[in-house]
Amino acid sequence: MQMQADYLDAHERHLSDAERLFAAQRWANADHLYGLAAECGLKRLMRAFGMPFDSKMDRPQEKNDRVHANGIWERFESYRSGHQNGTAYALPEESPFANWHINERYAHQSHFELSRVEHHQKGALMVAGLITKAKHEGLLP
């Protein structure tokens, strides 16, 4: 049996683990998980804002929506701005993940500096704030 995508659960566990790794000064893995947490959180919000989802393939229907943290910020904006409840969920125009790439999971850990990871942490926490808001307002379960 194939596991089903659960963007909300993935967002929460990636963020929780990233924070633990950050506290342990494990910058490389914390950085990677901050990006994944932001990606998953934004994809969950995008679904709430009407992103078409292919249930059979268990992924976003549009290829442009199958991007990682460094591309999801812009995609989120396209759904948020077109939804009646979206005005209350704005993010800064410039993505903190513009310099984050999924293939950095292969990079040597010495390449991850605290300032870089803090920048990505801030971005992931912004997304977490939107998730909390969406839960309180009934947009998400």
N, C-alpha and C. Protein backbone atom coordinates (compact mmCIF):
# COMPACT_ATOMS: atom_id res chain seq x y z
N MET A 1 0.83 -1.18 0.00
CA MET A 1 0.00 0.00 0.00
C MET A 1 0.88 1.25 0.00
N GLN A 2 0.59 2.15 -0.91
CA GLN A 2 1.35 3.39 -1.00
C GLN A 2 0.87 4.39 0.04
N MET A 3 1.82 5.09 0.67
CA MET A 3 1.46 6.11 1.65
C MET A 3 0.87 7.31 0.94
N GLN A 4 -0.11 7.94 1.58
CA GLN A 4 -0.77 9.12 1.04
C GLN A 4 -0.06 10.39 1.51
N ALA A 5 0.00 11.37 0.63
CA ALA A 5 0.60 12.66 0.98
C ALA A 5 -0.24 13.33 2.06
N ASP A 6 0.42 13.76 3.11
CA ASP A 6 -0.23 14.53 4.18
C ASP A 6 0.66 15.73 4.44
N TYR A 7 0.43 16.80 3.70
CA TYR A 7 1.30 17.97 3.76
C TYR A 7 1.32 18.60 5.15
N LEU A 8 0.20 18.59 5.83
CA LEU A 8 0.15 19.22 7.15
C LEU A 8 1.01 18.45 8.15
N ASP A 9 0.85 17.14 8.20
CA ASP A 9 1.67 16.33 9.11
C ASP A 9 3.15 16.45 8.74
N ALA A 10 3.45 16.41 7.45
CA ALA A 10 4.84 16.53 7.01
C ALA A 10 5.43 17.88 7.42
N HIS A 11 4.65 18.93 7.25
CA HIS A 11 5.11 20.27 7.67
C HIS A 11 5.46 20.27 9.15
N GLU A 12 4.55 19.76 9.96
CA GLU A 12 4.73 19.79 11.41
C GLU A 12 5.92 18.95 11.87
N ARG A 13 6.09 17.76 11.32
CA ARG A 13 7.20 16.91 11.78
C ARG A 13 8.54 17.40 11.26
N HIS A 14 8.58 17.91 10.02
CA HIS A 14 9.84 18.44 9.50
C HIS A 14 10.27 19.67 10.31
N LEU A 15 9.32 20.53 10.65
CA LEU A 15 9.65 21.72 11.43
C LEU A 15 10.11 21.34 12.83
N SER A 16 9.41 20.42 13.45
CA SER A 16 9.80 19.97 14.79
C SER A 16 11.21 19.38 14.80
N ASP A 17 11.50 18.54 13.83
CA ASP A 17 12.84 17.94 13.76
C ASP A 17 13.89 18.98 13.41
N ALA A 18 13.55 19.92 12.54
CA ALA A 18 14.50 20.98 12.19
C ALA A 18 14.87 21.79 13.42
N GLU A 19 13.88 22.11 14.24
CA GLU A 19 14.16 22.89 15.46
C GLU A 19 15.05 22.11 16.42
N ARG A 20 14.84 20.82 16.53
CA ARG A 20 15.70 19.99 17.40
C ARG A 20 17.13 19.95 16.87
N LEU A 21 17.25 19.79 15.56
CA LEU A 21 18.58 19.76 14.96
C LEU A 21 19.27 21.12 15.06
N PHE A 22 18.50 22.18 14.90
CA PHE A 22 19.05 23.53 15.04
C PHE A 22 19.61 23.72 16.45
N ALA A 23 18.85 23.31 17.44
CA ALA A 23 19.28 23.44 18.84
C ALA A 23 20.55 22.63 19.10
N ALA A 24 20.72 21.54 18.37
CA ALA A 24 21.92 20.70 18.52
C ALA A 24 23.06 21.15 17.60
N GLN A 25 22.87 22.30 16.94
CA GLN A 25 23.85 22.87 16.02
C GLN A 25 24.18 21.94 14.85
N ARG A 26 23.19 21.21 14.42
CA ARG A 26 23.31 20.33 13.25
C ARG A 26 22.74 21.09 12.05
N TRP A 27 23.50 22.10 11.61
CA TRP A 27 23.03 23.07 10.65
C TRP A 27 22.58 22.46 9.32
N ALA A 28 23.32 21.52 8.78
CA ALA A 28 23.01 20.98 7.45
C ALA A 28 21.63 20.32 7.42
N ASN A 29 21.39 19.44 8.34
CA ASN A 29 20.09 18.74 8.34
C ASN A 29 18.96 19.65 8.79
N ALA A 30 19.23 20.56 9.70
CA ALA A 30 18.20 21.53 10.09
C ALA A 30 17.81 22.36 8.88
N ASP A 31 18.79 22.83 8.12
CA ASP A 31 18.52 23.64 6.94
C ASP A 31 17.66 22.88 5.94
N HIS A 32 18.01 21.64 5.69
CA HIS A 32 17.25 20.83 4.74
C HIS A 32 15.79 20.69 5.19
N LEU A 33 15.61 20.41 6.47
CA LEU A 33 14.25 20.21 6.98
C LEU A 33 13.45 21.51 7.05
N TYR A 34 14.10 22.64 7.27
CA TYR A 34 13.36 23.91 7.23
C TYR A 34 12.77 24.12 5.83
N GLY A 35 13.53 23.80 4.81
CA GLY A 35 13.02 23.92 3.45
C GLY A 35 11.86 22.99 3.19
N LEU A 36 11.98 21.75 3.63
CA LEU A 36 10.89 20.79 3.44
C LEU A 36 9.65 21.19 4.24
N ALA A 37 9.86 21.70 5.44
CA ALA A 37 8.72 22.14 6.27
C ALA A 37 7.97 23.27 5.58
N ALA A 38 8.70 24.24 5.05
CA ALA A 38 8.05 25.36 4.35
C ALA A 38 7.32 24.86 3.12
N GLU A 39 7.96 24.01 2.34
CA GLU A 39 7.33 23.46 1.14
C GLU A 39 6.02 22.75 1.47
N CYS A 40 6.06 21.88 2.45
CA CYS A 40 4.86 21.11 2.81
C CYS A 40 3.76 22.00 3.37
N GLY A 41 4.13 22.95 4.21
CA GLY A 41 3.13 23.86 4.77
C GLY A 41 2.46 24.70 3.69
N LEU A 42 3.25 25.20 2.76
CA LEU A 42 2.68 26.02 1.70
C LEU A 42 1.82 25.18 0.75
N LYS A 43 2.23 23.95 0.48
CA LYS A 43 1.42 23.09 -0.38
C LYS A 43 0.08 22.77 0.29
N ARG A 44 0.07 22.63 1.60
CA ARG A 44 -1.21 22.38 2.29
C ARG A 44 -2.12 23.60 2.19
N LEU A 45 -1.54 24.76 2.36
CA LEU A 45 -2.33 25.98 2.21
C LEU A 45 -2.78 26.17 0.76
N MET A 46 -1.94 25.82 -0.19
CA MET A 46 -2.30 25.92 -1.59
C MET A 46 -3.50 25.01 -1.90
N ARG A 47 -3.53 23.85 -1.30
CA ARG A 47 -4.70 22.97 -1.49
C ARG A 47 -5.95 23.64 -0.93
N ALA A 48 -5.83 24.27 0.22
CA ALA A 48 -6.98 24.97 0.81
C ALA A 48 -7.42 26.14 -0.07
N PHE A 49 -6.48 26.72 -0.82
CA PHE A 49 -6.78 27.83 -1.71
C PHE A 49 -7.12 27.38 -3.13
N GLY A 50 -7.30 26.08 -3.31
CA GLY A 50 -7.79 25.58 -4.59
C GLY A 50 -6.79 24.96 -5.53
N MET A 51 -5.60 24.62 -5.08
CA MET A 51 -4.64 23.98 -5.96
C MET A 51 -5.20 22.63 -6.43
N PRO A 52 -5.26 22.41 -7.75
CA PRO A 52 -5.73 21.11 -8.24
C PRO A 52 -4.78 19.99 -7.80
N PHE A 53 -5.34 18.90 -7.34
CA PHE A 53 -4.55 17.79 -6.81
C PHE A 53 -4.97 16.50 -7.51
N ASP A 54 -4.01 15.75 -7.99
CA ASP A 54 -4.25 14.48 -8.65
C ASP A 54 -4.23 13.39 -7.59
N SER A 55 -5.39 12.98 -7.12
CA SER A 55 -5.48 11.99 -6.05
C SER A 55 -4.94 10.63 -6.48
N LYS A 56 -5.11 10.30 -7.73
CA LYS A 56 -4.62 9.01 -8.23
C LYS A 56 -3.08 8.96 -8.19
N MET A 57 -2.45 10.06 -8.59
CA MET A 57 -0.98 10.13 -8.58
C MET A 57 -0.44 10.64 -7.24
N ASP A 58 -1.34 11.15 -6.38
CA ASP A 58 -0.99 11.65 -5.05
C ASP A 58 0.04 12.78 -5.12
N ARG A 59 -0.30 13.78 -5.96
CA ARG A 59 0.60 14.92 -6.14
C ARG A 59 -0.19 16.07 -6.75
N PRO A 60 0.38 17.28 -6.70
CA PRO A 60 -0.29 18.40 -7.37
C PRO A 60 -0.49 18.07 -8.85
N GLN A 61 -1.63 18.47 -9.36
CA GLN A 61 -1.96 18.17 -10.75
C GLN A 61 -1.06 18.92 -11.72
N GLU A 62 -0.81 20.19 -11.42
CA GLU A 62 0.01 21.03 -12.30
C GLU A 62 1.49 20.79 -12.04
N LYS A 63 2.26 20.59 -13.11
CA LYS A 63 3.69 20.37 -12.97
C LYS A 63 4.38 21.55 -12.26
N ASN A 64 3.89 22.77 -12.53
CA ASN A 64 4.48 23.97 -11.91
C ASN A 64 4.33 23.97 -10.39
N ASP A 65 3.39 23.19 -9.87
CA ASP A 65 3.18 23.12 -8.42
C ASP A 65 3.99 22.01 -7.76
N ARG A 66 4.70 21.24 -8.54
CA ARG A 66 5.53 20.15 -8.01
C ARG A 66 6.96 20.63 -7.85
N VAL A 67 7.10 21.71 -7.09
CA VAL A 67 8.42 22.30 -6.86
C VAL A 67 8.75 22.25 -5.37
N HIS A 68 10.01 22.51 -5.09
CA HIS A 68 10.48 22.48 -3.70
C HIS A 68 10.50 23.88 -3.10
N ALA A 69 11.10 24.02 -1.95
CA ALA A 69 11.07 25.28 -1.19
C ALA A 69 11.52 26.48 -2.01
N ASN A 70 12.50 26.31 -2.87
CA ASN A 70 13.01 27.45 -3.63
C ASN A 70 12.06 27.92 -4.73
N GLY A 71 11.01 27.16 -5.04
CA GLY A 71 10.06 27.57 -6.05
C GLY A 71 8.63 27.70 -5.55
N ILE A 72 8.38 27.19 -4.36
CA ILE A 72 7.00 27.12 -3.88
C ILE A 72 6.45 28.46 -3.43
N TRP A 73 7.29 29.37 -2.98
CA TRP A 73 6.86 30.69 -2.49
C TRP A 73 6.03 31.41 -3.56
N GLU A 74 6.56 31.43 -4.77
CA GLU A 74 5.88 32.09 -5.88
C GLU A 74 4.59 31.36 -6.25
N ARG A 75 4.61 30.04 -6.24
CA ARG A 75 3.41 29.27 -6.56
C ARG A 75 2.32 29.52 -5.51
N PHE A 76 2.73 29.59 -4.24
CA PHE A 76 1.78 29.88 -3.17
C PHE A 76 1.07 31.21 -3.44
N GLU A 77 1.83 32.19 -3.82
CA GLU A 77 1.27 33.52 -4.06
C GLU A 77 0.18 33.47 -5.15
N SER A 78 0.38 32.66 -6.17
CA SER A 78 -0.60 32.60 -7.24
C SER A 78 -1.94 32.03 -6.75
N TYR A 79 -1.92 31.12 -5.81
CA TYR A 79 -3.16 30.57 -5.24
C TYR A 79 -3.74 31.49 -4.17
N ARG A 80 -2.86 32.02 -3.32
CA ARG A 80 -3.31 32.90 -2.24
C ARG A 80 -4.01 34.12 -2.80
N SER A 81 -3.40 34.75 -3.79
CA SER A 81 -3.95 36.00 -4.32
C SER A 81 -5.27 35.79 -5.07
N GLY A 82 -5.54 34.57 -5.49
CA GLY A 82 -6.77 34.31 -6.21
C GLY A 82 -7.89 33.74 -5.36
N HIS A 83 -7.69 33.68 -4.06
CA HIS A 83 -8.69 33.08 -3.17
C HIS A 83 -9.31 34.16 -2.29
N GLN A 84 -10.60 34.03 -2.03
CA GLN A 84 -11.31 35.05 -1.24
C GLN A 84 -10.74 35.23 0.16
N ASN A 85 -10.22 34.17 0.78
CA ASN A 85 -9.64 34.28 2.12
C ASN A 85 -8.14 34.54 2.10
N GLY A 86 -7.57 34.59 0.91
CA GLY A 86 -6.13 34.67 0.78
C GLY A 86 -5.48 35.97 1.24
N THR A 87 -6.21 37.04 1.28
CA THR A 87 -5.60 38.33 1.63
C THR A 87 -4.98 38.31 3.03
N ALA A 88 -5.50 37.50 3.91
CA ALA A 88 -4.99 37.44 5.28
C ALA A 88 -3.78 36.51 5.42
N TYR A 89 -3.29 35.96 4.30
CA TYR A 89 -2.21 34.98 4.36
C TYR A 89 -1.00 35.38 3.52
N ALA A 90 -0.77 36.65 3.40
CA ALA A 90 0.34 37.14 2.59
C ALA A 90 1.69 36.84 3.25
N LEU A 91 2.68 36.60 2.41
CA LEU A 91 4.06 36.43 2.82
C LEU A 91 4.89 37.52 2.16
N PRO A 92 6.08 37.78 2.68
CA PRO A 92 6.95 38.76 2.01
C PRO A 92 7.17 38.35 0.55
N GLU A 93 7.29 39.33 -0.31
CA GLU A 93 7.45 39.04 -1.73
C GLU A 93 8.70 38.21 -2.02
N GLU A 94 9.78 38.55 -1.35
CA GLU A 94 11.04 37.84 -1.59
C GLU A 94 11.11 36.58 -0.74
N SER A 95 11.31 35.46 -1.40
CA SER A 95 11.37 34.17 -0.70
C SER A 95 12.69 34.01 0.05
N PRO A 96 12.62 33.60 1.33
CA PRO A 96 13.85 33.31 2.06
C PRO A 96 14.51 32.02 1.57
N PHE A 97 13.83 31.30 0.69
CA PHE A 97 14.35 30.02 0.20
C PHE A 97 14.90 30.10 -1.23
N ALA A 98 15.10 31.32 -1.73
CA ALA A 98 15.62 31.47 -3.09
C ALA A 98 16.97 30.77 -3.26
N ASN A 99 17.74 30.68 -2.19
CA ASN A 99 19.06 30.03 -2.26
C ASN A 99 19.06 28.61 -1.66
N TRP A 100 17.90 28.04 -1.46
CA TRP A 100 17.77 26.68 -0.92
C TRP A 100 17.50 25.73 -2.09
N HIS A 101 18.18 24.59 -2.10
CA HIS A 101 17.98 23.62 -3.18
C HIS A 101 17.91 22.21 -2.60
N ILE A 102 16.98 21.43 -3.10
CA ILE A 102 16.77 20.07 -2.61
C ILE A 102 18.03 19.22 -2.72
N ASN A 103 18.83 19.42 -3.77
CA ASN A 103 20.02 18.59 -3.95
C ASN A 103 21.16 18.96 -3.01
N GLU A 104 20.96 19.97 -2.17
CA GLU A 104 21.99 20.28 -1.16
C GLU A 104 22.03 19.23 -0.06
N ARG A 105 21.10 18.31 -0.09
CA ARG A 105 21.14 17.20 0.86
C ARG A 105 22.40 16.36 0.66
N TYR A 106 23.02 16.51 -0.49
CA TYR A 106 24.26 15.79 -0.78
C TYR A 106 25.51 16.59 -0.43
N ALA A 107 25.34 17.85 -0.08
CA ALA A 107 26.49 18.72 0.19
C ALA A 107 27.15 18.38 1.52
N HIS A 108 28.41 18.70 1.61
CA HIS A 108 29.14 18.50 2.86
C HIS A 108 28.62 19.47 3.91
N GLN A 109 28.51 19.00 5.13
CA GLN A 109 27.92 19.81 6.20
C GLN A 109 28.70 21.08 6.52
N SER A 110 29.97 21.13 6.15
CA SER A 110 30.77 22.33 6.42
C SER A 110 30.31 23.53 5.59
N HIS A 111 29.47 23.32 4.59
CA HIS A 111 28.98 24.40 3.74
C HIS A 111 27.80 25.16 4.35
N PHE A 112 27.29 24.69 5.47
CA PHE A 112 26.08 25.28 6.06
C PHE A 112 26.46 26.16 7.24
N GLU A 113 26.32 27.47 7.05
CA GLU A 113 26.65 28.43 8.10
C GLU A 113 25.40 28.83 8.86
N LEU A 114 25.58 29.23 10.09
CA LEU A 114 24.48 29.60 10.96
C LEU A 114 23.58 30.66 10.33
N SER A 115 24.16 31.71 9.74
CA SER A 115 23.34 32.79 9.18
C SER A 115 22.41 32.30 8.07
N ARG A 116 22.89 31.39 7.28
CA ARG A 116 22.07 30.80 6.21
C ARG A 116 20.90 30.02 6.80
N VAL A 117 21.21 29.20 7.79
CA VAL A 117 20.18 28.36 8.41
C VAL A 117 19.16 29.22 9.14
N GLU A 118 19.61 30.26 9.82
CA GLU A 118 18.68 31.16 10.52
C GLU A 118 17.70 31.82 9.53
N HIS A 119 18.19 32.15 8.36
CA HIS A 119 17.34 32.76 7.33
C HIS A 119 16.24 31.78 6.90
N HIS A 120 16.61 30.53 6.72
CA HIS A 120 15.63 29.51 6.34
C HIS A 120 14.71 29.16 7.50
N GLN A 121 15.24 29.19 8.71
CA GLN A 121 14.41 28.96 9.89
C GLN A 121 13.31 30.03 9.96
N LYS A 122 13.70 31.27 9.75
CA LYS A 122 12.74 32.37 9.79
C LYS A 122 11.63 32.16 8.76
N GLY A 123 12.00 31.73 7.56
CA GLY A 123 11.01 31.47 6.52
C GLY A 123 10.06 30.33 6.90
N ALA A 124 10.62 29.26 7.45
CA ALA A 124 9.78 28.12 7.86
C ALA A 124 8.84 28.53 8.99
N LEU A 125 9.31 29.37 9.89
CA LEU A 125 8.46 29.82 10.99
C LEU A 125 7.36 30.77 10.52
N MET A 126 7.63 31.52 9.45
CA MET A 126 6.56 32.35 8.86
C MET A 126 5.45 31.46 8.33
N VAL A 127 5.84 30.38 7.64
CA VAL A 127 4.85 29.44 7.12
C VAL A 127 4.10 28.79 8.27
N ALA A 128 4.81 28.41 9.32
CA ALA A 128 4.15 27.80 10.48
C ALA A 128 3.12 28.76 11.09
N GLY A 129 3.43 30.03 11.10
CA GLY A 129 2.47 31.02 11.59
C GLY A 129 1.20 31.06 10.75
N LEU A 130 1.35 30.94 9.45
CA LEU A 130 0.18 30.90 8.57
C LEU A 130 -0.64 29.63 8.79
N ILE A 131 0.05 28.52 9.03
CA ILE A 131 -0.64 27.25 9.31
C ILE A 131 -1.46 27.39 10.60
N THR A 132 -0.86 27.94 11.64
CA THR A 132 -1.57 28.15 12.91
C THR A 132 -2.78 29.04 12.70
N LYS A 133 -2.60 30.12 11.96
CA LYS A 133 -3.70 31.04 11.67
C LYS A 133 -4.82 30.31 10.92
N ALA A 134 -4.45 29.52 9.94
CA ALA A 134 -5.45 28.79 9.14
C ALA A 134 -6.23 27.78 9.99
N LYS A 135 -5.55 27.17 10.94
CA LYS A 135 -6.25 26.23 11.85
C LYS A 135 -7.24 26.99 12.74
N HIS A 136 -6.80 28.09 13.28
CA HIS A 136 -7.66 28.89 14.18
C HIS A 136 -8.86 29.47 13.46
N GLU A 137 -8.68 29.79 12.19
CA GLU A 137 -9.77 30.39 11.42
C GLU A 137 -10.64 29.36 10.70
N GLY A 138 -10.31 28.07 10.86
CA GLY A 138 -11.12 27.02 10.26
C GLY A 138 -10.81 26.71 8.81
N LEU A 139 -9.75 27.30 8.26
CA LEU A 139 -9.36 27.01 6.89
C LEU A 139 -8.74 25.62 6.80
N LEU A 140 -8.06 25.21 7.86
CA LEU A 140 -7.46 23.88 7.96
C LEU A 140 -8.03 23.16 9.18
N PRO A 141 -8.08 21.84 9.09
CA PRO A 141 -8.58 21.07 10.26
C PRO A 141 -7.62 21.10 11.44
